[in-house]
Amino acid sequence: MERTSKMAELQFDEVISGKQGPSLLTGLRRLFYLVTPNETTFQTRDEVPEYIEQATPFFIMMILVEFVVTTLKKDTSPARLNDSISSISAGMMTQFVSGIFLKSVFAFLYMYIHENYRLLDLPWDSHVTWWTAFIVVEFFYYWFHRMSHEVNLLWAAHQGHHSSEDYNLTTALRQSAFQHASFFMIPMALVVPPAAYSVHFQFNILYQFWLHTELVTSLGFLEYILNTPSHHRVHHGRNPYCIDKNYGGTLIIFDRLFGTFAKEDEKVVYGLTHPLNTWDPVWVQVCHLTHIWRTFWATPGLTNKLSVLFKGPGWSPGKPRLGCIEDIPKVTHPEPKYDKQIPTFWSVYVAGHFAMAVIFYQELFAVAEGVTTLACLGRITFLIWTLSSIGAIMDKTPSATALDFSRCLAYVLFDTLTRLWGPPAVLLPHLVMNAMLGLYLVSAVIQGIKLLGPFINAKTVKVE
């Protein structure tokens, strides 16, 4: 923890938008891929900004705008607190794994292959290189995305993104902690320079954020070329006509070329064909892996076992590679959604603690390069603990009270002890740290009283 103690506490603007966040207009342009080659061309990978990390405040801003608009409109439903928290939690867990650890591994592999085995020497400052990278990234993304639906092992990672029964901007953040598209892009290193790849891969991902909305109906003639909210709504549907369609990231042309395009027709019902019915962020990530494990051992024959892994998620012996479309349950909008109701007090409680989790998340990425691996792992562990506690409260899980009490108490003890022994381990502004300590202390008392309530009542009954 020595490196942590030497770092200065973050300022408020660094917590909100990072240490080198873009202006409002620039941040919004980036979400729509409205950038020029001149402003996004770099010689080395190290010069490329972390566009996705810098986009967090703009994600939040657009989510809030969408919520206000859908609340005011009569024909749309605003985002639900539980589903939105579940989606954003999945996005945070994704960044814990890929944003901190896997990203550096991939960057090393990509640069090593490009430096030693590239087939072409494309000039880094050429507009031809920029547009080549744009098209090649989109092409590889199409096939990566398609394989993620057509190969059961890959679907196990990808299905978390499709598990929401709502469709709004928070759904875009519901990603997999175990799937990183970059590893499927490694063959691009034979042609595309690392910096150009990094730029376009990030913008390809950022562009897809705004596709996750029902507020935009049609973009006219652009629907023939670009991936749009209408096309992507189909991709997220569990109606039979929506299954395995519209894989594009920025463009829709490869879906049209390879026969996987479907136009939005009947009202789309969102989510998995077999809904998860939980807000547990860990289970959302691993549920299909457990299903594959059980199916693998229950299926006879080595060939069939391998088919369980590498054929489609709907495959079983005697069926086509991707299964039968007739097996997809018929749905009609509106379908009932998983939505356990909790009292208003606990909704406010959950929202408050989730807001604290987002602040911790921002702090994590602001200081990740300057603290030890152990310090990063400690932050990640506490964040996963927090997200799991919130999910348990929203699920009304019997263990929720004990899980959250232990979490809040652990924070109070850790924060107090680190302040007594030296500089604080969390580098947030002093005012924020004091407010958080008070929140966690009050929360520990609330959950402690709730936890002891049954024992107190039982003793009272005995005395009477």
Protein backbone atom coordinates (compact mmCIF):
# COMPACT_ATOMS: atom_id res chain seq x y z
CA MET A 1 0.00 0.00 0.00
CA GLU A 2 3.06 2.27 -0.03
CA ARG A 3 2.27 3.73 -3.44
CA THR A 4 -1.29 4.53 -2.31
CA SER A 5 -0.17 6.69 0.60
CA LYS A 6 1.93 8.90 -1.66
CA MET A 7 -0.97 9.80 -3.93
CA ALA A 8 -2.97 12.98 -3.36
CA GLU A 9 -6.70 12.76 -2.80
CA LEU A 10 -8.84 13.23 -5.90
CA GLN A 11 -10.64 16.46 -6.66
CA PHE A 12 -14.41 16.48 -7.26
CA ASP A 13 -14.06 16.95 -11.03
CA GLU A 14 -11.64 14.00 -11.19
CA VAL A 15 -14.18 11.76 -9.44
CA ILE A 16 -16.92 12.80 -11.87
CA SER A 17 -15.13 12.78 -15.22
CA GLY A 18 -11.66 11.35 -14.64
CA LYS A 19 -8.35 13.17 -14.68
CA GLN A 20 -8.47 14.04 -18.38
CA GLY A 21 -12.16 14.12 -19.23
CA PRO A 22 -13.36 15.72 -22.50
CA SER A 23 -15.58 18.76 -22.90
CA LEU A 24 -19.35 18.33 -23.01
CA LEU A 25 -19.61 18.67 -26.79
CA THR A 26 -16.63 16.41 -27.47
CA GLY A 27 -17.91 13.74 -25.08
CA LEU A 28 -21.32 13.71 -26.78
CA ARG A 29 -19.82 13.60 -30.28
CA ARG A 30 -17.78 10.56 -29.35
CA LEU A 31 -20.88 8.60 -28.35
CA PHE A 32 -22.18 8.94 -31.92
CA TYR A 33 -18.82 8.27 -33.65
CA LEU A 34 -18.86 11.90 -34.85
CA VAL A 35 -15.10 12.28 -34.87
CA THR A 36 -12.58 13.15 -37.57
CA PRO A 37 -9.45 11.26 -38.59
CA ASN A 38 -7.30 14.26 -37.65
CA GLU A 39 -8.45 14.33 -34.01
CA THR A 40 -8.35 10.55 -33.53
CA THR A 41 -5.13 9.53 -35.29
CA PHE A 42 -2.13 8.60 -33.14
CA GLN A 43 1.27 7.13 -33.77
CA THR A 44 1.41 4.80 -30.74
CA ARG A 45 -1.11 2.91 -28.66
CA ASP A 46 -0.02 4.75 -25.52
CA GLU A 47 -1.17 8.06 -27.00
CA VAL A 48 -4.76 6.85 -27.51
CA PRO A 49 -7.14 8.25 -24.87
CA GLU A 50 -9.26 5.89 -22.78
CA TYR A 51 -12.42 6.94 -24.59
CA ILE A 52 -14.70 4.41 -22.90
CA GLU A 53 -13.57 5.30 -19.37
CA GLN A 54 -13.97 9.01 -20.12
CA ALA A 55 -17.52 8.42 -21.36
CA THR A 56 -18.94 7.42 -17.95
CA PRO A 57 -20.35 10.86 -17.02
CA PHE A 58 -21.92 11.15 -20.48
CA PHE A 59 -23.54 7.74 -20.07
CA ILE A 60 -25.06 8.92 -16.80
CA MET A 61 -26.22 12.22 -18.29
CA MET A 62 -27.96 10.55 -21.24
CA ILE A 63 -29.53 7.94 -18.97
CA LEU A 64 -31.02 10.72 -16.84
CA VAL A 65 -32.29 12.59 -19.92
CA GLU A 66 -33.90 9.40 -21.26
CA PHE A 67 -35.53 8.77 -17.87
CA VAL A 68 -37.04 12.26 -17.81
CA VAL A 69 -38.34 12.01 -21.38
CA THR A 70 -39.84 8.54 -20.92
CA THR A 71 -41.47 9.66 -17.68
CA LEU A 72 -43.12 12.62 -19.44
CA LYS A 73 -44.22 10.61 -22.50
CA LYS A 74 -47.47 8.69 -22.14
CA ASP A 75 -46.63 5.82 -24.49
CA THR A 76 -43.28 4.83 -22.93
CA SER A 77 -42.25 3.37 -19.59
CA PRO A 78 -39.35 4.88 -17.61
CA ALA A 79 -36.45 2.73 -16.52
CA ARG A 80 -37.05 0.62 -13.40
CA LEU A 81 -34.65 1.18 -10.51
CA ASN A 82 -33.95 -2.54 -9.97
CA ASP A 83 -33.34 -3.32 -13.63
CA SER A 84 -31.20 -0.22 -14.14
CA ILE A 85 -29.03 -1.02 -11.11
CA SER A 86 -28.67 -4.61 -12.35
CA SER A 87 -27.56 -3.42 -15.79
CA ILE A 88 -25.07 -0.85 -14.53
CA SER A 89 -23.73 -3.37 -11.99
CA ALA A 90 -22.97 -5.79 -14.82
CA GLY A 91 -21.11 -3.04 -16.67
CA MET A 92 -19.05 -2.25 -13.60
CA MET A 93 -18.14 -5.91 -13.09
CA THR A 94 -17.08 -6.12 -16.73
CA GLN A 95 -14.67 -3.26 -16.28
CA PHE A 96 -13.21 -4.86 -13.13
CA VAL A 97 -11.98 -7.77 -15.22
CA SER A 98 -11.43 -6.46 -18.74
CA GLY A 99 -10.82 -2.79 -18.03
CA ILE A 100 -8.05 -3.34 -15.49
CA PHE A 101 -6.51 -6.76 -16.12
CA LEU A 102 -7.39 -8.22 -19.55
CA LYS A 103 -6.87 -4.98 -21.44
CA SER A 104 -3.15 -4.89 -20.75
CA VAL A 105 -2.74 -8.56 -21.73
CA PHE A 106 -4.51 -8.00 -25.03
CA ALA A 107 -2.57 -4.80 -25.77
CA PHE A 108 0.70 -6.68 -25.32
CA LEU A 109 -0.39 -9.54 -27.63
CA TYR A 110 -1.69 -7.20 -30.31
CA MET A 111 1.44 -5.04 -30.38
CA TYR A 112 3.75 -8.08 -30.32
CA ILE A 113 2.00 -9.66 -33.33
CA HIS A 114 1.90 -6.38 -35.25
CA GLU A 115 5.58 -5.64 -34.63
CA ASN A 116 6.79 -9.13 -35.56
CA TYR A 117 4.31 -10.66 -38.03
CA ARG A 118 2.39 -7.86 -39.79
CA LEU A 119 1.68 -8.43 -43.47
CA LEU A 120 1.30 -4.76 -44.40
CA ASP A 121 2.92 -1.52 -43.29
CA LEU A 122 0.05 0.94 -43.20
CA PRO A 123 1.17 4.51 -42.41
CA TRP A 124 -0.17 5.54 -39.02
CA ASP A 125 -1.11 9.07 -40.14
CA SER A 126 -2.98 8.16 -43.34
CA HIS A 127 -6.74 8.63 -43.79
CA VAL A 128 -6.71 5.35 -45.72
CA THR A 129 -5.44 3.60 -42.59
CA TRP A 130 -8.15 5.29 -40.49
CA TRP A 131 -11.00 4.16 -42.77
CA THR A 132 -9.46 0.71 -43.22
CA ALA A 133 -9.42 0.26 -39.44
CA PHE A 134 -13.04 1.46 -39.24
CA ILE A 135 -14.27 -1.18 -41.73
CA VAL A 136 -12.06 -4.02 -40.50
CA VAL A 137 -13.06 -3.48 -36.85
CA GLU A 138 -16.73 -3.53 -37.85
CA PHE A 139 -16.24 -6.72 -39.91
CA PHE A 140 -14.48 -8.54 -37.08
CA TYR A 141 -17.01 -7.27 -34.57
CA TYR A 142 -19.87 -8.69 -36.67
CA TRP A 143 -18.33 -12.15 -36.66
CA PHE A 144 -17.34 -11.99 -33.01
CA HIS A 145 -20.90 -11.01 -32.11
CA ARG A 146 -22.41 -13.69 -34.32
CA MET A 147 -20.18 -16.38 -32.82
CA SER A 148 -21.20 -15.17 -29.35
CA HIS A 149 -24.76 -16.19 -30.22
CA GLU A 150 -24.00 -19.34 -32.20
CA VAL A 151 -21.38 -21.00 -29.96
CA ASN A 152 -22.74 -22.12 -26.60
CA LEU A 153 -19.57 -21.42 -24.60
CA LEU A 154 -19.41 -17.89 -25.98
CA TRP A 155 -23.12 -17.41 -25.41
CA ALA A 156 -22.56 -18.30 -21.76
CA ALA A 157 -20.53 -15.11 -21.47
CA HIS A 158 -22.66 -12.97 -23.77
CA GLN A 159 -26.12 -13.87 -22.47
CA GLY A 160 -25.77 -11.48 -19.53
CA HIS A 161 -26.10 -8.57 -21.95
CA HIS A 162 -29.44 -9.93 -23.13
CA SER A 163 -30.84 -10.75 -19.70
CA SER A 164 -32.64 -7.44 -19.15
CA GLU A 165 -36.38 -7.46 -19.80
CA ASP A 166 -36.27 -3.69 -20.31
CA TYR A 167 -34.69 -1.80 -23.18
CA ASN A 168 -33.15 1.53 -22.34
CA LEU A 169 -29.74 3.15 -22.16
CA THR A 170 -28.82 1.32 -18.97
CA THR A 171 -29.18 -1.95 -20.91
CA ALA A 172 -26.17 -0.92 -23.01
CA LEU A 173 -24.01 -1.11 -19.89
CA ARG A 174 -25.13 -4.67 -19.05
CA GLN A 175 -22.02 -6.46 -20.29
CA SER A 176 -20.19 -9.69 -19.57
CA ALA A 177 -17.29 -9.91 -17.16
CA PHE A 178 -15.93 -12.98 -18.98
CA GLN A 179 -16.10 -11.88 -22.59
CA HIS A 180 -13.68 -9.49 -24.21
CA ALA A 181 -14.15 -8.86 -27.93
CA SER A 182 -10.56 -7.70 -28.24
CA PHE A 183 -9.19 -11.25 -28.17
CA PHE A 184 -11.22 -12.05 -31.30
CA MET A 185 -9.69 -9.02 -32.98
CA ILE A 186 -6.08 -10.20 -32.66
CA PRO A 187 -5.85 -11.29 -36.36
CA MET A 188 -6.30 -7.60 -37.21
CA ALA A 189 -2.79 -7.07 -35.85
CA LEU A 190 -1.47 -8.54 -39.10
CA VAL A 191 -2.70 -5.43 -40.92
CA VAL A 192 -4.05 -2.63 -38.69
CA PRO A 193 -1.65 -0.57 -36.50
CA PRO A 194 -2.35 -0.86 -32.75
CA ALA A 195 -3.28 2.80 -32.30
CA ALA A 196 -5.79 2.78 -35.17
CA TYR A 197 -7.31 -0.44 -33.87
CA SER A 198 -7.67 0.93 -30.34
CA VAL A 199 -9.39 4.10 -31.55
CA HIS A 200 -11.97 2.33 -33.68
CA PHE A 201 -12.64 -0.52 -31.32
CA GLN A 202 -13.50 1.95 -28.57
CA PHE A 203 -15.70 4.07 -30.82
CA ASN A 204 -17.46 0.98 -32.16
CA ILE A 205 -18.40 0.09 -28.58
CA LEU A 206 -19.34 3.66 -27.64
CA TYR A 207 -21.60 4.01 -30.70
CA GLN A 208 -23.68 1.07 -29.55
CA PHE A 209 -24.63 2.82 -26.30
CA TRP A 210 -27.27 5.09 -27.81
CA LEU A 211 -28.79 2.21 -29.82
CA HIS A 212 -30.37 0.89 -26.62
CA THR A 213 -33.45 3.10 -26.53
CA GLU A 214 -37.09 3.00 -27.57
CA LEU A 215 -37.29 6.78 -27.98
CA VAL A 216 -35.78 6.74 -31.49
CA THR A 217 -38.11 5.08 -33.98
CA SER A 218 -36.61 5.32 -37.48
CA LEU A 219 -33.68 7.15 -39.09
CA GLY A 220 -35.05 6.96 -42.64
CA PHE A 221 -32.56 6.03 -45.35
CA LEU A 222 -29.78 5.60 -42.76
CA GLU A 223 -31.54 2.39 -41.68
CA TYR A 224 -30.09 0.75 -44.81
CA ILE A 225 -26.49 1.46 -43.81
CA LEU A 226 -26.15 2.07 -40.07
CA ASN A 227 -27.02 -0.03 -37.09
CA THR A 228 -29.89 1.89 -35.48
CA PRO A 229 -32.07 1.61 -32.36
CA SER A 230 -34.74 -0.10 -34.46
CA HIS A 231 -32.33 -2.76 -35.73
CA HIS A 232 -30.83 -3.30 -32.30
CA ARG A 233 -34.24 -3.63 -30.64
CA VAL A 234 -34.76 -6.66 -32.87
CA HIS A 235 -31.41 -8.06 -31.75
CA HIS A 236 -32.51 -7.86 -28.10
CA GLY A 237 -35.91 -9.46 -28.70
CA ARG A 238 -37.01 -12.93 -27.66
CA ASN A 239 -39.77 -13.08 -30.26
CA PRO A 240 -38.98 -15.95 -32.65
CA TYR A 241 -38.37 -13.56 -35.56
CA CYS A 242 -35.73 -11.71 -33.51
CA ILE A 243 -33.55 -14.69 -32.58
CA ASP A 244 -29.96 -14.52 -33.94
CA LYS A 245 -30.46 -11.35 -35.98
CA ASN A 246 -28.74 -7.98 -36.48
CA TYR A 247 -25.22 -8.51 -35.16
CA GLY A 248 -23.64 -5.32 -36.49
CA GLY A 249 -21.92 -2.80 -34.26
CA THR A 250 -21.87 0.47 -36.18
CA LEU A 251 -23.11 -0.73 -39.57
CA ILE A 252 -25.90 -3.08 -40.66
CA ILE A 253 -24.39 -3.90 -44.07
CA PHE A 254 -22.74 -7.17 -43.02
CA ASP A 255 -26.06 -8.47 -41.64
CA ARG A 256 -27.65 -7.69 -44.99
CA LEU A 257 -24.76 -9.36 -46.84
CA PHE A 258 -24.64 -12.54 -44.72
CA GLY A 259 -28.38 -13.10 -44.26
CA THR A 260 -28.78 -12.23 -40.58
CA PHE A 261 -30.83 -9.05 -40.99
CA ALA A 262 -34.40 -8.71 -39.72
CA LYS A 263 -36.53 -5.57 -39.80
CA GLU A 264 -38.48 -4.52 -36.71
CA ASP A 265 -41.97 -5.88 -37.19
CA GLU A 266 -44.25 -6.91 -34.34
CA LYS A 267 -43.69 -5.31 -30.93
CA VAL A 268 -40.45 -6.65 -29.46
CA VAL A 269 -40.44 -8.49 -26.13
CA TYR A 270 -36.98 -8.13 -24.59
CA GLY A 271 -34.80 -10.50 -22.62
CA LEU A 272 -33.81 -14.16 -22.65
CA THR A 273 -36.14 -16.89 -23.87
CA HIS A 274 -35.92 -18.28 -20.33
CA PRO A 275 -35.71 -15.25 -17.97
CA LEU A 276 -33.27 -15.36 -15.04
CA ASN A 277 -35.64 -13.82 -12.47
CA THR A 278 -32.94 -12.39 -10.22
CA TRP A 279 -30.98 -9.18 -9.65
CA ASP A 280 -27.92 -11.05 -8.34
CA PRO A 281 -25.01 -9.57 -10.39
CA VAL A 282 -22.80 -12.63 -9.96
CA TRP A 283 -25.49 -15.13 -10.96
CA VAL A 284 -26.29 -13.04 -14.06
CA GLN A 285 -22.69 -13.59 -15.15
CA VAL A 286 -22.33 -17.32 -14.41
CA CYS A 287 -25.82 -18.83 -14.72
CA HIS A 288 -25.44 -20.22 -18.23
CA LEU A 289 -22.02 -21.67 -17.43
CA THR A 290 -23.66 -23.76 -14.72
CA HIS A 291 -26.32 -24.84 -17.22
CA ILE A 292 -23.64 -25.93 -19.70
CA TRP A 293 -21.83 -27.83 -16.94
CA ARG A 294 -24.96 -29.83 -16.06
CA THR A 295 -25.90 -30.42 -19.71
CA PHE A 296 -22.36 -31.49 -20.62
CA TRP A 297 -22.30 -34.29 -18.04
CA ALA A 298 -25.88 -35.34 -18.70
CA THR A 299 -25.34 -35.69 -22.48
CA PRO A 300 -24.04 -39.11 -23.63
CA GLY A 301 -21.10 -39.51 -26.04
CA LEU A 302 -17.94 -37.45 -26.53
CA THR A 303 -19.14 -35.96 -29.84
CA ASN A 304 -22.39 -34.85 -28.27
CA LYS A 305 -20.56 -33.42 -25.26
CA LEU A 306 -18.34 -31.33 -27.55
CA SER A 307 -21.44 -30.23 -29.44
CA VAL A 308 -22.90 -28.95 -26.16
CA LEU A 309 -19.89 -26.65 -25.92
CA PHE A 310 -19.43 -25.53 -29.50
CA LYS A 311 -22.82 -25.68 -31.18
CA GLY A 312 -25.65 -23.27 -30.55
CA PRO A 313 -27.31 -22.82 -27.14
CA GLY A 314 -30.51 -24.35 -28.52
CA TRP A 315 -28.82 -27.51 -29.82
CA SER A 316 -29.49 -30.99 -28.47
CA PRO A 317 -28.89 -34.42 -30.05
CA GLY A 318 -30.86 -34.83 -33.26
CA LYS A 319 -31.34 -31.10 -33.86
CA PRO A 320 -29.61 -28.69 -36.29
CA ARG A 321 -26.47 -26.85 -35.19
CA LEU A 322 -28.38 -23.84 -33.91
CA GLY A 323 -31.41 -25.73 -32.64
CA CYS A 324 -34.97 -25.37 -33.92
CA ILE A 325 -36.74 -22.03 -34.09
CA GLU A 326 -39.94 -23.92 -33.19
CA ASP A 327 -38.47 -24.47 -29.71
CA ILE A 328 -38.46 -20.73 -28.98
CA PRO A 329 -41.39 -19.93 -26.66
CA LYS A 330 -44.04 -17.76 -28.29
CA VAL A 331 -44.41 -14.35 -26.63
CA THR A 332 -46.83 -11.47 -27.04
CA HIS A 333 -46.22 -7.94 -25.86
CA PRO A 334 -46.61 -7.10 -23.03
CA GLU A 335 -45.15 -10.05 -21.13
CA PRO A 336 -44.95 -9.98 -17.30
CA LYS A 337 -41.52 -8.95 -15.99
CA TYR A 338 -39.58 -10.02 -12.92
CA ASP A 339 -40.18 -7.14 -10.51
CA LYS A 340 -40.19 -7.89 -6.77
CA GLN A 341 -41.53 -4.83 -4.97
CA ILE A 342 -39.67 -3.49 -1.95
CA PRO A 343 -40.81 -0.66 0.39
CA THR A 344 -39.95 2.93 -0.56
CA PHE A 345 -37.45 3.19 2.30
CA TRP A 346 -35.42 0.29 0.96
CA SER A 347 -35.61 1.65 -2.58
CA VAL A 348 -34.06 4.90 -1.32
CA TYR A 349 -31.52 2.88 0.71
CA VAL A 350 -30.54 0.84 -2.35
CA ALA A 351 -30.28 3.94 -4.56
CA GLY A 352 -28.05 5.69 -2.01
CA HIS A 353 -25.66 2.79 -1.64
CA PHE A 354 -25.55 2.25 -5.38
CA ALA A 355 -24.62 5.93 -5.82
CA MET A 356 -21.75 5.35 -3.36
CA ALA A 357 -20.70 2.31 -5.40
CA VAL A 358 -20.54 4.44 -8.55
CA ILE A 359 -18.32 6.96 -6.72
CA PHE A 360 -16.04 4.13 -5.57
CA TYR A 361 -15.97 2.82 -9.13
CA GLN A 362 -14.88 6.19 -10.46
CA GLU A 363 -12.21 6.41 -7.78
CA LEU A 364 -10.94 2.95 -8.68
CA PHE A 365 -10.26 3.86 -12.31
CA ALA A 366 -8.90 7.28 -11.42
CA VAL A 367 -6.18 5.76 -9.22
CA ALA A 368 -5.76 2.27 -10.70
CA GLU A 369 -2.42 3.02 -12.37
CA GLY A 370 -0.95 4.54 -9.22
CA VAL A 371 -1.85 1.96 -6.58
CA THR A 372 -0.77 -1.62 -5.97
CA THR A 373 -2.53 -4.65 -7.42
CA LEU A 374 -3.59 -5.56 -3.88
CA ALA A 375 -5.20 -2.14 -3.45
CA CYS A 376 -7.09 -2.60 -6.73
CA LEU A 377 -8.27 -6.07 -5.70
CA GLY A 378 -9.44 -4.71 -2.35
CA ARG A 379 -11.53 -2.04 -4.06
CA ILE A 380 -12.96 -4.55 -6.53
CA THR A 381 -13.85 -7.02 -3.75
CA PHE A 382 -15.73 -4.36 -1.82
CA LEU A 383 -17.57 -3.20 -4.93
CA ILE A 384 -18.69 -6.74 -5.81
CA TRP A 385 -19.74 -7.19 -2.18
CA THR A 386 -21.77 -3.98 -2.44
CA LEU A 387 -23.43 -4.91 -5.74
CA SER A 388 -24.28 -8.38 -4.43
CA SER A 389 -25.80 -6.90 -1.26
CA ILE A 390 -27.93 -4.51 -3.31
CA GLY A 391 -29.08 -7.35 -5.55
CA ALA A 392 -29.98 -9.46 -2.52
CA ILE A 393 -32.06 -6.63 -1.04
CA MET A 394 -33.93 -6.16 -4.34
CA ASP A 395 -34.45 -9.94 -4.59
CA LYS A 396 -35.68 -10.06 -0.96
CA THR A 397 -33.15 -12.82 -0.30
CA PRO A 398 -33.24 -14.08 3.34
CA SER A 399 -29.48 -13.53 3.69
CA ALA A 400 -29.64 -9.92 2.45
CA THR A 401 -29.66 -8.33 5.92
CA ALA A 402 -26.62 -10.24 7.20
CA LEU A 403 -24.74 -9.69 3.93
CA ASP A 404 -25.32 -5.95 3.97
CA PHE A 405 -24.70 -5.53 7.71
CA SER A 406 -21.32 -7.21 7.44
CA ARG A 407 -20.46 -5.06 4.42
CA CYS A 408 -21.33 -1.76 6.10
CA LEU A 409 -19.60 -2.75 9.34
CA ALA A 410 -16.48 -3.81 7.44
CA TYR A 411 -16.33 -0.43 5.70
CA VAL A 412 -16.72 1.51 8.96
CA LEU A 413 -13.97 -0.51 10.67
CA PHE A 414 -11.60 -0.34 7.71
CA ASP A 415 -12.08 3.39 7.14
CA THR A 416 -11.70 4.20 10.83
CA LEU A 417 -8.58 2.07 11.31
CA THR A 418 -6.81 3.39 8.20
CA ARG A 419 -7.45 6.97 9.32
CA LEU A 420 -5.99 6.21 12.76
CA TRP A 421 -2.90 4.50 11.36
CA GLY A 422 -2.08 6.88 8.50
CA PRO A 423 -3.39 8.34 5.25
CA PRO A 424 -6.81 7.03 4.11
CA ALA A 425 -6.73 4.05 1.76
CA VAL A 426 -9.50 5.53 -0.39
CA LEU A 427 -8.44 8.72 -2.17
CA LEU A 428 -11.77 10.53 -2.43
CA PRO A 429 -12.21 14.16 -1.32
CA HIS A 430 -12.26 14.52 2.48
CA LEU A 431 -15.85 15.79 2.54
CA VAL A 432 -17.06 12.81 0.50
CA MET A 433 -15.17 10.39 2.73
CA ASN A 434 -16.81 11.80 5.86
CA ALA A 435 -20.27 11.64 4.29
CA MET A 436 -19.70 8.02 3.23
CA LEU A 437 -18.47 7.04 6.68
CA GLY A 438 -21.64 8.49 8.18
CA LEU A 439 -23.84 6.70 5.65
CA TYR A 440 -22.20 3.33 6.26
CA LEU A 441 -22.31 3.78 10.04
CA VAL A 442 -26.05 4.57 9.99
CA SER A 443 -26.65 1.70 7.54
CA ALA A 444 -24.78 -0.76 9.77
CA VAL A 445 -26.98 0.29 12.70
CA ILE A 446 -30.16 -0.10 10.63
CA GLN A 447 -29.20 -3.52 9.33
CA GLY A 448 -27.91 -4.59 12.76
CA ILE A 449 -31.25 -3.72 14.37
CA LYS A 450 -33.07 -5.57 11.61
CA LEU A 451 -30.76 -8.56 12.01
CA LEU A 452 -31.27 -8.70 15.79
CA GLY A 453 -35.00 -7.98 15.60
CA PRO A 454 -36.17 -11.62 15.50
CA PHE A 455 -33.94 -12.54 18.48
CA ILE A 456 -35.16 -9.57 20.52
CA ASN A 457 -38.78 -10.38 19.71
CA ALA A 458 -38.26 -14.03 20.61
CA LYS A 459 -36.81 -13.11 24.03
CA THR A 460 -39.67 -10.66 24.62
CA VAL A 461 -42.21 -13.40 23.95
CA LYS A 462 -40.45 -15.76 26.38
CA VAL A 463 -40.44 -13.14 29.14
CA GLU A 464 -44.14 -12.49 28.68
